[in-house]
Amino acid sequence: MPISAANLEAAIRAAIPVAHLEIEDTSNGCGENYAVFVVSEAFEGKSTLARHRFINEVLKEQIAQMHAFSQKTLTPAQYQAHLAKQAA
């Protein structure tokens, strides 16, 4: 059964406070490949690996049903720097 973006969003928002969230179905709508971009204060002081492991654990059941999953995780300060870099 395909995973929905709403299902992923609900699971992430239930686990951590989210400042910004983007979920992209990269499988042309079939729900088998997703890319997520999560910004949360919960990531403060954690390495990228620790952040990714956390999201993988939160979405363990959903990821098991997918073909591919990618993620980008930032703190709010890193996200502001990211936005400033894009604007420049």
Protein backbone atom coordinates (compact mmCIF):
# COMPACT_ATOMS: atom_id res chain seq x y z
CA MET A 1 0.00 0.00 0.00
CA PRO A 2 1.44 3.40 -0.95
CA ILE A 3 2.45 5.81 1.77
CA SER A 4 0.87 9.27 1.71
CA ALA A 5 2.63 12.55 2.35
CA ALA A 6 -0.05 13.30 4.96
CA ASN A 7 0.89 10.11 6.81
CA LEU A 8 4.55 11.12 6.86
CA GLU A 9 3.72 14.65 7.95
CA ALA A 10 1.51 13.46 10.81
CA ALA A 11 4.20 11.09 12.10
CA ILE A 12 6.93 13.75 12.00
CA ARG A 13 4.79 16.47 13.59
CA ALA A 14 3.71 14.07 16.36
CA ALA A 15 7.35 13.29 17.22
CA ILE A 16 9.01 16.74 17.25
CA PRO A 17 8.21 20.45 17.06
CA VAL A 18 8.50 21.39 13.40
CA ALA A 19 9.48 24.88 12.24
CA HIS A 20 9.41 23.96 8.53
CA LEU A 21 8.52 20.76 6.68
CA GLU A 22 8.61 19.86 3.00
CA ILE A 23 7.60 16.44 1.76
CA GLU A 24 8.09 15.58 -1.89
CA ASP A 25 6.81 12.43 -3.56
CA THR A 26 9.70 11.71 -5.93
CA SER A 27 7.97 8.67 -7.41
CA ASN A 28 5.57 10.60 -9.67
CA GLY A 29 2.62 10.04 -7.35
CA CYS A 30 2.83 6.33 -6.57
CA GLY A 31 3.96 6.89 -2.95
CA GLU A 32 7.05 4.69 -3.05
CA ASN A 33 9.80 7.36 -3.02
CA TYR A 34 9.89 10.40 -0.76
CA ALA A 35 12.27 13.21 0.09
CA VAL A 36 11.68 15.15 3.31
CA PHE A 37 13.17 18.42 4.49
CA VAL A 38 12.67 18.96 8.22
CA VAL A 39 13.61 22.00 10.29
CA SER A 40 13.28 21.61 14.06
CA GLU A 41 14.73 22.97 17.26
CA ALA A 42 14.87 19.32 18.39
CA PHE A 43 17.96 18.95 16.17
CA GLU A 44 20.00 21.50 18.15
CA GLY A 45 23.27 19.95 19.33
CA LYS A 46 22.77 16.75 17.33
CA SER A 47 24.97 15.57 14.48
CA THR A 48 23.50 15.03 11.02
CA LEU A 49 23.77 11.28 11.57
CA ALA A 50 21.86 11.50 14.87
CA ARG A 51 19.15 13.60 13.23
CA HIS A 52 18.76 11.15 10.37
CA ARG A 53 18.66 8.18 12.71
CA PHE A 54 15.93 9.92 14.70
CA ILE A 55 13.78 10.57 11.60
CA ASN A 56 14.42 7.00 10.40
CA GLU A 57 13.14 5.70 13.74
CA VAL A 58 10.07 7.96 13.67
CA LEU A 59 9.22 6.78 10.14
CA LYS A 60 10.42 3.19 10.51
CA GLU A 61 7.10 1.59 9.50
CA GLN A 62 6.59 3.92 6.55
CA ILE A 63 10.17 3.62 5.26
CA ALA A 64 9.88 -0.18 5.33
CA GLN A 65 7.12 0.15 2.71
CA MET A 66 9.04 2.52 0.43
CA HIS A 67 11.45 1.95 -2.39
CA ALA A 68 13.55 5.04 -1.60
CA PHE A 69 13.70 7.71 1.10
CA SER A 70 15.94 10.76 1.47
CA GLN A 71 16.03 13.46 4.07
CA LYS A 72 17.56 16.81 4.91
CA THR A 73 17.46 17.99 8.52
CA LEU A 74 18.36 21.45 9.78
CA THR A 75 18.09 23.52 12.93
CA PRO A 76 16.15 26.80 12.66
CA ALA A 77 19.45 28.76 12.62
CA GLN A 78 20.83 26.56 9.83
CA TYR A 79 17.58 27.00 7.91
CA GLN A 80 17.81 30.80 8.17
CA ALA A 81 21.38 30.61 6.83
CA HIS A 82 20.14 28.33 4.04
CA LEU A 83 17.43 30.85 3.09
CA ALA A 84 19.91 33.74 3.17
CA LYS A 85 22.28 31.83 0.91
CA GLN A 86 19.48 31.13 -1.57
CA ALA A 87 18.45 34.79 -1.58
CA ALA A 88 22.00 35.98 -2.31
